[in-house]
Amino acid sequence: MANQSNNLVVPQAKEALNRMKYEIATEHGIPLSEGYNGNLMTREAGTIGGNITRRLVQMAEQSLSGAQFSNTRR
């Protein structure tokens, strides 16, 4: 059985991730169409995926930097 590691932990985030994908592709001049994009070069797909990851990490860091942790050591 194949490992389905690309399942979303929060399914409601699917639309936001999809919008982010198209936004990044547009910013980098990568032709992305609805549905199958098997014509993309590996470098183009990597650019999109890498930038999505970069933005998500950035968002998490910003979120954590403002968080108050109740279980911090004193």
Protein backbone atom coordinates (compact mmCIF):
# COMPACT_ATOMS: atom_id res chain seq x y z
CA MET A 1 0.00 0.00 0.00
CA ALA A 2 1.33 3.45 -0.95
CA ASN A 3 2.15 5.97 1.77
CA GLN A 4 -0.21 8.94 1.50
CA SER A 5 1.99 11.51 3.21
CA ASN A 6 0.43 14.41 1.30
CA ASN A 7 -2.85 14.26 3.22
CA LEU A 8 -3.71 17.58 4.80
CA VAL A 9 -3.88 17.66 8.59
CA VAL A 10 -6.39 20.52 8.30
CA PRO A 11 -8.51 19.83 5.20
CA GLN A 12 -10.02 23.33 5.37
CA ALA A 13 -6.58 24.71 4.44
CA LYS A 14 -6.71 23.14 0.98
CA GLU A 15 -8.18 26.20 -0.75
CA ALA A 16 -5.69 28.58 0.89
CA LEU A 17 -2.77 26.35 -0.16
CA ASN A 18 -4.15 26.16 -3.68
CA ARG A 19 -4.39 29.98 -3.88
CA MET A 20 -0.84 30.25 -2.56
CA LYS A 21 0.37 27.83 -5.24
CA TYR A 22 -1.13 29.90 -8.07
CA GLU A 23 0.10 33.15 -6.52
CA ILE A 24 3.68 31.86 -6.33
CA ALA A 25 3.53 30.45 -9.85
CA THR A 26 2.36 33.83 -11.16
CA GLU A 27 5.08 35.69 -9.25
CA HIS A 28 7.74 33.47 -10.84
CA GLY A 29 6.24 33.46 -14.32
CA ILE A 30 5.46 29.75 -14.21
CA PRO A 31 2.53 28.72 -16.44
CA LEU A 32 0.15 26.83 -14.17
CA SER A 33 -3.25 25.62 -15.32
CA GLU A 34 -6.20 24.08 -13.52
CA GLY A 35 -5.88 20.34 -13.09
CA TYR A 36 -2.95 18.35 -14.41
CA ASN A 37 0.35 20.20 -14.80
CA GLY A 38 2.59 17.35 -15.92
CA ASN A 39 4.21 19.64 -18.47
CA LEU A 40 6.05 21.59 -15.75
CA MET A 41 9.78 21.20 -15.54
CA THR A 42 11.09 19.77 -12.27
CA ARG A 43 12.77 23.08 -11.49
CA GLU A 44 9.46 24.95 -11.87
CA ALA A 45 7.59 22.52 -9.63
CA GLY A 46 10.41 22.75 -7.07
CA THR A 47 10.29 26.53 -7.15
CA ILE A 48 6.58 26.47 -6.36
CA GLY A 49 6.89 23.83 -3.63
CA GLY A 50 9.95 25.43 -2.07
CA ASN A 51 8.33 28.83 -1.91
CA ILE A 52 5.15 27.39 -0.41
CA THR A 53 7.26 25.75 2.29
CA ARG A 54 9.21 28.97 2.87
CA ARG A 55 6.00 30.97 3.32
CA LEU A 56 4.41 28.40 5.62
CA VAL A 57 7.51 28.35 7.84
CA GLN A 58 7.50 32.15 7.86
CA MET A 59 3.84 32.19 8.89
CA ALA A 60 4.48 29.65 11.66
CA GLU A 61 7.45 31.64 12.97
CA GLN A 62 5.38 34.81 13.05
CA SER A 63 2.59 32.99 14.84
CA LEU A 64 4.97 31.50 17.40
CA SER A 65 6.79 34.75 18.02
CA GLY A 66 3.59 36.30 19.33
CA ALA A 67 2.43 33.26 21.28
CA GLN A 68 2.41 33.15 25.07
CA PHE A 69 3.52 29.77 26.38
CA SER A 70 1.95 28.81 29.70
CA ASN A 71 4.34 25.94 30.33
CA THR A 72 7.63 27.84 30.02
CA ARG A 73 10.25 27.29 32.70
CA ARG A 74 11.10 30.13 35.03
